[in-house]
C-alpha cells in the first residue's frame, strides 16, 4: 500500500469519476483507489516527501477531518486549494469511513460495517459507538497513519473535538498510536453553532502548535464535527461561512510554513422519514426476522428467520418499489458495492435495504439530512491540499 508513486497524478476529475463509478443516474460505487481508503497512503507520501506537494519549512502536517462535508459544497467554497474528489466507503457512515481513512483498510478488512451489526466473536448485535467489549487478534488494526508517522520521525496528535464525548472500542482503534488532545469545549452545547465549531478547533490547534517550542515534526489530525449541524440544517449559508473560515485559517498556516490538507468521511442528502413508514418496517421485521434491524441512516439490513428471506424481500419490494434497492449479500458482492467474505457476511443482514430516493425510513427521523447510501452527494467527498 505504501509506495513511492504519486497517487494523485492518476485521480480523475469529478465528472469522470461519477461516469466511471455510476450504477445508475442516482448512485455511484466506491472506487478501489480514488477513495477515502487512500488517505493513509496519501498522508504517508506527503510525510515522506514522495508526492508533488513537498513539506514546507515547518515540516508539520495538519489534517482537517470534516465530518459530513460532500464534494459539491467543498468545491463551491474552497477556491485556493487543489481539490480532488474521492468516494466514501459503503456504507457511507462515519464509523466505517474514518477507520478506512486512517488504516487504509476496506470495510471488509476492518469489519466495522456501519453502526448496528453483529460482533465477530459471538454474533451478538452491537452498536459500534457504545460497545467496549470486542475481541480481535493482536495484529488487527495494529498499524495506521499514526504509526506510519512515528516510523518517519513525526509525533502524531489527535485533536479529538466531538470525539471526546465518545468512549468505545471503535474510537480507541481510530486514534491508536497517537497522543489524544481531549477537547476543552463542551461539544454537545456547540454542535449546532458553526462559528463555535471553528473557534474551538482553531484554538486547540494553535495551542498545540505554540507548545512545540523544540520545533519537532508533527502530524496533527483534527476532528471537526460539522455532521450534527448538517443533519439538522443541511448545507446552508452558515456551513459555507464555516468552511470559508477554515480555508482562511489553512492559508494563514501555510504562510507560516505549515502543511495543511483537509478531507471528509461522507456527504448527505435531504431525507424524509415518516413515523408511519418506520412502524411498517418494524412490523415486517418483527414478523420475519430474528433480530432488530441493523445498519444506520439510509442503509438498513435484516436478519431474517431461516426460510423467510424471499417473503420478506417480496414485501419490501412491494413497499418501496423504485425508492430503494433491495439486495442480497450476493448482490452487494456482484455489483462491487461491498465485497463479501466469511466474516463480513456474518456481521450484516441477509437482506439489505439501500435508499434510492429522498423518502427513506431512517430511525433518526427528526434529521432532515442523512447518509449511508450510494447517492452521489453521499458518496463523493473532498480531498483538499493547500499550498
Protein backbone atom coordinates (compact mmCIF):
# COMPACT_ATOMS: atom_id res chain seq x y z
CA UNK A 1 0.00 0.00 0.00
CA UNK A 2 2.72 2.47 0.97
CA UNK A 3 4.81 3.09 -2.14
CA UNK A 4 6.70 5.90 -3.83
CA UNK A 5 4.34 6.68 -6.71
CA UNK A 6 2.34 9.90 -6.72
CA UNK A 7 -1.17 8.53 -6.41
CA UNK A 8 -2.77 11.94 -7.04
CA UNK A 9 -1.47 12.11 -10.61
CA UNK A 10 -3.90 9.39 -11.69
CA UNK A 11 -7.00 10.75 -9.95
CA UNK A 12 -9.97 11.52 -12.19
CA UNK A 13 -11.99 14.73 -12.09
CA UNK A 14 -15.46 14.84 -10.53
CA UNK A 15 -17.45 14.18 -13.71
CA UNK A 16 -15.23 11.38 -14.96
CA UNK A 17 -15.24 9.68 -11.55
CA UNK A 18 -19.05 9.71 -11.50
CA UNK A 19 -19.26 8.29 -15.02
CA UNK A 20 -16.81 5.51 -14.18
CA UNK A 21 -18.46 4.54 -10.88
CA UNK A 22 -22.12 5.09 -11.79
CA UNK A 23 -24.66 2.37 -11.03
CA UNK A 24 -27.49 4.45 -12.49
CA UNK A 25 -28.31 8.13 -12.60
CA UNK A 26 -28.55 8.31 -8.82
CA UNK A 27 -25.85 6.15 -7.26
CA UNK A 28 -22.11 5.51 -7.51
CA UNK A 29 -19.88 2.67 -6.36
CA UNK A 30 -16.90 3.00 -4.03
CA UNK A 31 -13.73 3.33 -6.11
CA UNK A 32 -10.94 0.86 -5.37
CA UNK A 33 -8.18 3.53 -5.40
CA UNK A 34 -9.65 7.04 -5.65
CA UNK A 35 -11.39 6.67 -2.34
CA UNK A 36 -11.13 7.51 1.33
CA UNK A 37 -9.17 4.27 1.76
CA UNK A 38 -6.23 6.03 0.02
CA UNK A 39 -5.94 8.78 2.65
CA UNK A 40 -3.42 6.78 4.69
CA UNK A 41 -1.19 6.33 1.66
CA UNK A 42 -1.53 9.98 0.63
CA UNK A 43 -0.59 11.24 4.10
CA UNK A 44 2.31 8.80 4.23
CA UNK A 45 3.59 10.03 0.87
CA UNK A 46 3.33 13.67 1.95
CA UNK A 47 5.23 12.98 5.18
CA UNK A 48 7.82 11.01 3.24
CA UNK A 49 8.19 13.67 0.51
CA UNK A 50 7.08 11.19 -2.12
CA UNK A 51 4.31 13.35 -3.53
CA UNK A 52 4.25 16.52 -5.62
CA UNK A 53 3.34 18.64 -2.57
CA UNK A 54 6.64 18.69 -0.63
CA UNK A 55 6.70 19.53 3.06
CA UNK A 56 7.08 23.23 3.80
CA UNK A 57 9.57 24.72 6.24
CA UNK A 58 7.78 23.68 9.45
CA UNK A 59 7.71 20.01 8.40
CA UNK A 60 4.41 19.63 10.24
CA UNK A 61 1.29 18.29 8.54
CA UNK A 62 -2.12 19.45 9.80
CA UNK A 63 -5.07 17.33 8.68
CA UNK A 64 -8.54 18.89 8.93
CA UNK A 65 -11.01 15.98 9.14
CA UNK A 66 -14.52 17.30 8.47
CA UNK A 67 -17.48 15.08 9.31
CA UNK A 68 -20.34 15.21 6.79
CA UNK A 69 -18.97 17.51 4.06
CA UNK A 70 -19.67 16.42 0.49
CA UNK A 71 -17.60 17.29 -2.56
CA UNK A 72 -20.05 19.79 -4.03
CA UNK A 73 -20.18 22.10 -1.02
CA UNK A 74 -16.38 22.00 -0.66
CA UNK A 75 -15.95 22.73 -4.36
CA UNK A 76 -18.27 25.74 -4.14
CA UNK A 77 -16.41 27.28 -1.17
CA UNK A 78 -12.74 26.25 -1.28
CA UNK A 79 -11.14 28.18 -4.14
CA UNK A 80 -7.47 28.35 -3.08
CA UNK A 81 -6.60 24.66 -2.80
CA UNK A 82 -6.01 21.69 -5.05
CA UNK A 83 -9.26 19.75 -4.72
CA UNK A 84 -9.75 16.08 -5.57
CA UNK A 85 -12.96 14.01 -5.45
CA UNK A 86 -12.86 10.72 -3.54
CA UNK A 87 -15.52 8.12 -2.92
CA UNK A 88 -16.56 7.21 0.60
CA UNK A 89 -17.00 3.67 1.82
CA UNK A 90 -20.17 1.64 1.68
CA UNK A 91 -21.95 2.14 3.94
CA UNK A 92 -21.22 5.88 3.73
CA UNK A 93 -21.17 6.03 7.53
CA UNK A 94 -18.60 7.76 9.76
CA UNK A 95 -17.56 4.65 11.70
CA UNK A 96 -16.65 2.80 8.51
CA UNK A 97 -15.18 5.71 6.56
CA UNK A 98 -12.96 7.29 9.24
CA UNK A 99 -11.44 3.93 10.13
CA UNK A 100 -10.78 3.17 6.46
CA UNK A 101 -9.08 6.53 6.00
CA UNK A 102 -6.62 6.06 8.87
CA UNK A 103 -5.90 2.33 8.43
CA UNK A 104 -6.02 2.09 4.64
CA UNK A 105 -8.36 -0.89 5.05
CA UNK A 106 -11.55 -1.61 3.17
CA UNK A 107 -14.71 -2.24 5.19
CA UNK A 108 -14.40 -5.98 4.59
CA UNK A 109 -10.91 -5.82 6.12
CA UNK A 110 -11.52 -3.79 9.29
CA UNK A 111 -15.01 -5.29 9.90
CA UNK A 112 -16.76 -2.10 11.01
CA UNK A 113 -19.69 -2.01 8.53
CA UNK A 114 -21.65 0.91 9.93
CA UNK A 115 -23.32 1.25 13.31
CA UNK A 116 -25.58 -1.72 14.12
CA UNK A 117 -24.13 -5.12 13.16
CA UNK A 118 -23.02 -8.42 14.70
CA UNK A 119 -19.79 -8.97 16.60
CA UNK A 120 -17.26 -11.28 15.02
CA UNK A 121 -16.62 -13.40 18.10
CA UNK A 122 -20.16 -14.29 19.21
CA UNK A 123 -22.51 -12.83 16.56
CA UNK A 124 -24.31 -10.68 19.14
CA UNK A 125 -25.79 -7.48 17.78
CA UNK A 126 -23.95 -4.31 18.84
CA UNK A 127 -23.85 -0.52 18.45
CA UNK A 128 -20.33 0.48 17.44
CA UNK A 129 -20.48 3.81 19.29
CA UNK A 130 -21.26 2.25 22.68
CA UNK A 131 -19.57 -1.15 22.51
CA UNK A 132 -16.43 -1.70 24.57
CA UNK A 133 -16.05 -5.47 24.51
CA UNK A 134 -14.91 -6.56 21.07
CA UNK A 135 -12.25 -9.23 20.62
CA UNK A 136 -9.85 -9.23 17.66
CA UNK A 137 -6.48 -10.87 17.22
CA UNK A 138 -3.42 -8.94 18.41
CA UNK A 139 -2.35 -7.82 14.94
CA UNK A 140 -5.76 -6.48 13.94
CA UNK A 141 -5.72 -2.71 13.35
CA UNK A 142 -2.25 -2.53 14.93
CA UNK A 143 -0.92 -0.01 12.39
CA UNK A 144 -2.37 3.17 10.97
CA UNK A 145 -1.25 6.57 9.74
CA UNK A 146 -0.13 7.49 13.25
CA UNK A 147 2.26 4.52 13.49
CA UNK A 148 3.47 5.44 9.99
CA UNK A 149 4.18 8.97 11.25
CA UNK A 150 6.20 7.66 14.20
CA UNK A 151 8.25 5.46 11.86
CA UNK A 152 9.00 8.53 9.73
CA UNK A 153 10.11 10.63 12.70
CA UNK A 154 6.91 12.60 13.34
CA UNK A 155 4.97 12.92 16.59
CA UNK A 156 1.27 12.16 15.93
CA UNK A 157 -1.52 14.04 17.71
CA UNK A 158 -5.29 13.90 17.50
CA UNK A 159 -7.33 16.97 18.40
CA UNK A 160 -10.42 14.99 19.23
CA UNK A 161 -13.17 17.64 19.27
CA UNK A 162 -16.55 15.94 19.50
CA UNK A 163 -14.82 12.54 19.73
CA UNK A 164 -14.01 13.48 23.33
CA UNK A 165 -17.64 12.58 24.10
CA UNK A 166 -17.29 9.05 22.73
CA UNK A 167 -15.92 6.12 24.74
CA UNK A 168 -15.87 2.83 22.83
CA UNK A 169 -13.68 0.24 21.12
CA UNK A 170 -14.10 1.96 17.74
CA UNK A 171 -12.72 5.28 18.96
CA UNK A 172 -9.79 3.51 20.66
CA UNK A 173 -8.87 1.89 17.34
CA UNK A 174 -9.34 5.13 15.42
CA UNK A 175 -6.85 7.14 17.50
CA UNK A 176 -4.46 4.28 18.32
CA UNK A 177 -0.75 5.21 18.23
CA UNK A 178 -1.45 8.94 18.66
CA UNK A 179 -1.45 11.34 21.59
CA UNK A 180 -5.04 12.46 22.00
CA UNK A 181 -5.79 16.08 22.95
CA UNK A 182 -9.17 15.94 24.65
CA UNK A 183 -11.32 18.94 23.81
CA UNK A 184 -11.84 21.63 26.44
CA UNK A 185 -15.02 22.85 24.74
CA UNK A 186 -18.45 21.40 25.51
CA UNK A 187 -19.13 20.00 22.06
CA UNK A 188 -22.65 18.90 22.95
CA UNK A 189 -23.52 22.56 23.52
CA UNK A 190 -21.78 23.96 20.44
CA UNK A 191 -22.52 21.28 17.82
CA UNK A 192 -25.21 23.47 16.22
CA UNK A 193 -23.09 26.64 16.31
CA UNK A 194 -20.75 26.63 13.32
CA UNK A 195 -18.78 29.67 14.47
CA UNK A 196 -18.01 27.98 17.81
CA UNK A 197 -17.01 24.79 15.99
CA UNK A 198 -14.45 26.80 14.06
CA UNK A 199 -13.22 28.81 17.06
CA UNK A 200 -12.76 25.80 19.35
CA UNK A 201 -10.92 23.75 16.73
CA UNK A 202 -8.50 26.53 15.80
CA UNK A 203 -7.89 27.42 19.45
CA UNK A 204 -6.92 23.83 20.29
CA UNK A 205 -4.73 23.63 17.18
CA UNK A 206 -2.99 26.95 17.89
CA UNK A 207 -2.24 25.95 21.48
CA UNK A 208 -0.67 22.70 20.34
CA UNK A 209 1.49 24.46 17.74
CA UNK A 210 2.67 27.04 20.31
CA UNK A 211 3.74 24.27 22.67
CA UNK A 212 6.06 22.86 20.00
CA UNK A 213 8.98 25.06 21.07
CA UNK A 214 11.57 22.48 20.04
CA UNK A 215 10.15 22.55 16.50
CA UNK A 216 9.53 18.82 16.37
CA UNK A 217 7.94 17.40 13.26
CA UNK A 218 4.25 16.82 13.95
CA UNK A 219 1.27 15.11 12.34
CA UNK A 220 -1.90 16.69 13.73
CA UNK A 221 -5.28 15.16 12.85
CA UNK A 222 -8.15 17.50 13.80
CA UNK A 223 -11.65 16.04 14.03
CA UNK A 224 -14.27 18.67 13.09
CA UNK A 225 -17.88 17.74 13.82
CA UNK A 226 -19.95 19.52 11.19
CA UNK A 227 -22.08 16.36 10.92
CA UNK A 228 -24.69 17.15 13.58
CA UNK A 229 -25.34 20.62 12.16
CA UNK A 230 -25.78 19.31 8.60
CA UNK A 231 -28.13 16.54 9.76
CA UNK A 232 -30.43 19.26 11.07
CA UNK A 233 -29.94 22.20 8.67
CA UNK A 234 -28.17 20.87 5.57
CA UNK A 235 -25.54 22.75 3.56
CA UNK A 236 -26.74 26.24 4.36
CA UNK A 237 -25.03 29.63 4.48
CA UNK A 238 -23.66 29.01 7.98
CA UNK A 239 -21.82 25.89 6.78
CA UNK A 240 -20.43 27.80 3.79
CA UNK A 241 -19.11 30.52 6.12
CA UNK A 242 -17.63 27.88 8.44
CA UNK A 243 -15.81 26.19 5.57
CA UNK A 244 -14.54 29.56 4.36
CA UNK A 245 -13.23 30.31 7.86
CA UNK A 246 -11.33 27.03 7.85
CA UNK A 247 -9.87 27.74 4.41
CA UNK A 248 -8.71 31.16 5.58
CA UNK A 249 -7.10 29.53 8.62
CA UNK A 250 -5.44 26.94 6.38
CA UNK A 251 -3.95 29.69 4.22
CA UNK A 252 -2.60 31.52 7.29
CA UNK A 253 -0.97 28.30 8.47
CA UNK A 254 0.55 27.67 5.04
CA UNK A 255 2.02 31.19 5.00
CA UNK A 256 3.67 30.37 8.34
CA UNK A 257 5.28 27.29 6.78
CA UNK A 258 2.85 24.58 7.90
CA UNK A 259 1.36 21.98 5.59
CA UNK A 260 -2.44 21.66 5.58
CA UNK A 261 -4.81 19.18 3.95
CA UNK A 262 -8.50 18.52 4.53
CA UNK A 263 -10.90 15.72 3.76
CA UNK A 264 -14.27 14.35 4.81
CA UNK A 265 -15.87 10.98 5.53
CA UNK A 266 -19.22 11.20 3.67
CA UNK A 267 -21.75 13.67 2.36
CA UNK A 268 -25.50 13.95 2.94
CA UNK A 269 -28.78 14.37 1.10
CA UNK A 270 -32.24 15.52 2.14
CA UNK A 271 -34.18 12.63 3.66
CA UNK A 272 -37.87 12.46 4.51
CA UNK A 273 -38.71 9.78 7.03
CA UNK A 274 -42.16 9.23 8.47
CA UNK A 275 -43.01 7.50 11.74
CA UNK A 276 -45.66 5.51 9.85
CA UNK A 277 -43.10 4.08 7.42
CA UNK A 278 -40.73 3.27 10.28
CA UNK A 279 -43.55 1.46 12.09
CA UNK A 280 -44.40 -0.55 8.96
CA UNK A 281 -40.78 -1.59 8.57
CA UNK A 282 -40.52 -2.57 12.24
CA UNK A 283 -43.68 -4.63 11.88
CA UNK A 284 -42.23 -6.51 8.89
CA UNK A 285 -39.03 -7.10 10.82
CA UNK A 286 -40.88 -8.46 13.86
CA UNK A 287 -42.82 -10.87 11.65
CA UNK A 288 -39.95 -12.23 9.59
CA UNK A 289 -36.65 -11.61 11.42
CA UNK A 290 -34.76 -12.81 14.49
CA UNK A 291 -33.00 -9.52 15.39
CA UNK A 292 -33.66 -5.80 15.29
CA UNK A 293 -32.86 -4.04 12.02
CA UNK A 294 -29.16 -3.31 11.54
CA UNK A 295 -27.27 -0.67 9.57
CA UNK A 296 -27.73 3.08 10.05
CA UNK A 297 -29.10 6.15 8.34
CA UNK A 298 -30.09 5.44 4.72
CA UNK A 299 -28.95 1.80 4.67
CA UNK A 300 -30.59 -0.87 6.79
CA UNK A 301 -30.31 -4.62 6.82
CA UNK A 302 -32.38 -7.52 8.08
CA UNK A 303 -31.60 -10.82 9.79
CA UNK A 304 -34.50 -12.97 8.52
CA UNK A 305 -35.59 -16.22 10.13
CA UNK A 306 -34.45 -19.17 8.01
CA UNK A 307 -36.95 -19.69 5.20
CA UNK A 308 -38.38 -16.16 5.43
CA UNK A 309 -35.88 -14.43 3.12
CA UNK A 310 -37.93 -14.46 -0.09
CA UNK A 311 -41.18 -13.49 1.63
CA UNK A 312 -39.51 -10.54 3.31
CA UNK A 313 -37.80 -9.45 0.10
CA UNK A 314 -41.08 -9.51 -1.85
CA UNK A 315 -42.85 -7.45 0.81
CA UNK A 316 -40.03 -4.91 0.81
CA UNK A 317 -40.17 -4.66 -3.00
CA UNK A 318 -43.91 -4.01 -2.80
CA UNK A 319 -43.42 -1.38 -0.09
CA UNK A 320 -40.57 0.58 -1.66
CA UNK A 321 -40.96 -0.07 -5.41
CA UNK A 322 -38.32 2.17 -7.09
CA UNK A 323 -37.42 4.18 -3.99
CA UNK A 324 -34.84 1.72 -2.63
CA UNK A 325 -32.51 -1.08 -3.67
CA UNK A 326 -33.46 -4.38 -2.01
CA UNK A 327 -30.38 -6.56 -2.32
CA UNK A 328 -28.89 -9.79 -1.05
CA UNK A 329 -25.31 -10.17 0.14
CA UNK A 330 -24.56 -11.84 -3.20
CA UNK A 331 -25.92 -8.74 -4.98
CA UNK A 332 -23.63 -6.48 -2.93
CA UNK A 333 -20.68 -8.63 -3.93
CA UNK A 334 -21.55 -8.97 -7.63
CA UNK A 335 -22.23 -5.27 -8.01
CA UNK A 336 -18.93 -4.37 -6.21
CA UNK A 337 -20.83 -2.39 -3.57
CA UNK A 338 -19.33 -4.37 -0.68
CA UNK A 339 -17.18 -7.42 -1.30
CA UNK A 340 -18.25 -10.31 0.91
CA UNK A 341 -16.01 -12.64 2.87
CA UNK A 342 -16.72 -15.21 5.56
CA UNK A 343 -16.56 -12.60 8.33
CA UNK A 344 -18.48 -9.65 6.91
CA UNK A 345 -21.25 -11.96 5.69
CA UNK A 346 -21.92 -12.97 9.30
CA UNK A 347 -21.97 -9.38 10.54
CA UNK A 348 -24.50 -7.74 8.23
CA UNK A 349 -28.00 -8.94 7.44
CA UNK A 350 -29.02 -11.25 4.61
CA UNK A 351 -31.29 -8.62 3.02
CA UNK A 352 -30.03 -5.07 2.57
CA UNK A 353 -32.24 -2.01 2.02
CA UNK A 354 -30.44 0.97 0.46
CA UNK A 355 -32.13 4.33 -0.14
CA UNK A 356 -32.57 5.29 -3.77
CA UNK A 357 -34.71 8.39 -3.22
CA UNK A 358 -35.22 11.06 -0.57
CA UNK A 359 -38.04 9.05 1.05
CA UNK A 360 -36.47 6.51 3.39
CA UNK A 361 -37.31 5.28 6.91
CA UNK A 362 -34.23 6.35 8.86
CA UNK A 363 -34.58 5.70 12.58
CA UNK A 364 -33.36 9.21 13.37
CA UNK A 365 -36.39 10.58 11.53
CA UNK A 366 -36.00 14.06 13.06
CA UNK A 367 -32.87 14.60 10.96
CA UNK A 368 -33.73 16.41 7.72
CA UNK A 369 -30.50 15.26 6.05
CA UNK A 370 -28.90 11.84 6.25
CA UNK A 371 -26.38 9.45 4.70
CA UNK A 372 -25.29 5.83 4.47
CA UNK A 373 -26.45 5.02 0.94
CA UNK A 374 -24.86 5.33 -2.52
CA UNK A 375 -26.16 8.61 -3.94
CA UNK A 376 -23.60 10.94 -5.49
CA UNK A 377 -23.87 13.55 -2.75
CA UNK A 378 -23.49 10.92 -0.01
CA UNK A 379 -20.57 9.16 -1.68
CA UNK A 380 -18.43 11.93 -3.22
CA UNK A 381 -16.16 13.64 -0.70
CA UNK A 382 -13.34 16.20 -0.99
CA UNK A 383 -9.60 15.96 -0.51
CA UNK A 384 -8.14 19.47 -0.30
CA UNK A 385 -4.44 20.37 -0.30
CA UNK A 386 -3.50 23.97 0.47
CA UNK A 387 -0.08 25.04 -0.73
